[in-house]
Amino acid sequence: MFEDDPLDPQVILDGLPARERPEFLRQYRAAAQAAMRDVAQYKALRQLLHRWSLAVIATNRPAYYEAIEDAKAGRGEAVPLAQAIAAELARRS
């Protein structure tokens, strides 16, 4: 049995909330057309699909949009960048 390819544009489109789909399609179509004109642009198309596959994961997390609004409004907890980096490096070691 095969799993869906997370970089498949249809899988991405199906996984995105409706409000994200028009922007994905706009960016995807532009990148696909650029790749059709110049094969060197294929890498950029793959990178775009990768970013949007991550967006599928993020946008389907509970309270994702609320967290974005809170961050824009300066609400919620803030961690200084240096502290966040140190914590991540400690976690990885």
Protein backbone atom coordinates (compact mmCIF):
# COMPACT_ATOMS: atom_id res chain seq x y z
CA MET A 1 0.00 0.00 0.00
CA PHE A 2 1.33 3.44 -0.94
CA GLU A 3 1.11 6.58 1.13
CA ASP A 4 0.24 9.89 -0.46
CA ASP A 5 3.23 11.94 -1.55
CA PRO A 6 3.20 15.07 0.65
CA LEU A 7 4.67 17.07 -2.26
CA ASP A 8 1.85 16.10 -4.61
CA PRO A 9 0.00 19.34 -5.44
CA GLN A 10 -3.39 17.59 -5.13
CA VAL A 11 -2.48 16.21 -1.70
CA ILE A 12 -1.44 19.71 -0.62
CA LEU A 13 -4.60 21.29 -2.03
CA ASP A 14 -6.81 18.69 -0.34
CA GLY A 15 -5.03 19.17 2.98
CA LEU A 16 -5.19 22.95 3.09
CA PRO A 17 -8.02 24.84 4.73
CA ALA A 18 -10.25 26.53 2.13
CA ARG A 19 -8.91 29.98 2.99
CA GLU A 20 -5.35 28.94 1.98
CA ARG A 21 -6.20 27.25 -1.31
CA PRO A 22 -6.40 30.30 -3.64
CA GLU A 23 -2.92 31.49 -2.62
CA PHE A 24 -1.47 28.01 -2.99
CA LEU A 25 -2.96 27.67 -6.48
CA ARG A 26 -1.69 31.11 -7.49
CA GLN A 27 1.85 30.33 -6.35
CA TYR A 28 1.80 26.78 -7.70
CA ARG A 29 0.60 27.81 -11.15
CA ALA A 30 3.24 30.54 -11.40
CA ALA A 31 6.02 28.18 -10.30
CA ALA A 32 4.83 25.38 -12.61
CA GLN A 33 4.72 27.73 -15.58
CA ALA A 34 8.21 29.01 -14.76
CA ALA A 35 9.46 25.41 -14.59
CA MET A 36 7.84 24.66 -17.96
CA ARG A 37 9.68 27.59 -19.53
CA ASP A 38 13.02 26.86 -17.86
CA VAL A 39 13.92 23.48 -16.40
CA ALA A 40 16.28 25.25 -13.98
CA GLN A 41 13.14 26.52 -12.21
CA TYR A 42 12.08 22.99 -11.28
CA LYS A 43 14.06 23.23 -8.04
CA ALA A 44 12.08 26.35 -7.08
CA LEU A 45 8.85 24.46 -7.81
CA ARG A 46 9.90 21.59 -5.53
CA GLN A 47 10.84 24.07 -2.79
CA LEU A 48 7.44 25.74 -3.11
CA LEU A 49 5.69 22.37 -2.78
CA HIS A 50 7.79 21.56 0.27
CA ARG A 51 6.89 24.87 1.96
CA TRP A 52 3.21 24.33 1.25
CA SER A 53 3.37 20.73 2.52
CA LEU A 54 4.62 22.19 5.81
CA ALA A 55 1.78 24.72 5.70
CA VAL A 56 -0.68 21.81 5.51
CA ILE A 57 0.72 20.48 8.78
CA ALA A 58 0.77 23.89 10.48
CA THR A 59 -2.65 25.11 9.38
CA ASN A 60 -4.31 21.92 10.56
CA ARG A 61 -3.00 22.27 14.10
CA PRO A 62 -5.59 23.33 16.66
CA ALA A 63 -5.65 27.09 17.27
CA TYR A 64 -3.14 27.84 14.48
CA TYR A 65 -4.92 30.95 13.24
CA GLU A 66 -5.58 32.15 16.77
CA ALA A 67 -1.87 31.84 17.59
CA ILE A 68 -1.01 33.92 14.50
CA GLU A 69 -3.44 36.62 15.58
CA ASP A 70 -2.09 36.57 19.13
CA ALA A 71 1.46 36.95 17.86
CA LYS A 72 0.49 39.86 15.61
CA ALA A 73 -1.25 41.55 18.54
CA GLY A 74 1.66 40.95 20.90
CA ARG A 75 -0.36 38.62 23.12
CA GLY A 76 0.91 35.43 24.66
CA GLU A 77 4.28 34.26 25.83
CA ALA A 78 7.43 35.51 24.19
CA VAL A 79 10.81 33.83 24.40
CA PRO A 80 13.95 35.77 23.50
CA LEU A 81 15.57 34.37 20.36
CA ALA A 82 18.87 33.55 22.08
CA GLN A 83 16.99 31.56 24.73
CA ALA A 84 14.94 29.70 22.12
CA ILE A 85 18.08 28.79 20.15
CA ALA A 86 19.89 27.64 23.29
CA ALA A 87 16.93 25.48 24.27
CA GLU A 88 16.73 23.91 20.82
CA LEU A 89 20.47 23.19 20.72
CA ALA A 90 20.27 21.62 24.17
CA ARG A 91 17.33 19.51 23.04
CA ARG A 92 19.29 18.25 20.03
CA SER A 93 22.40 17.25 21.98
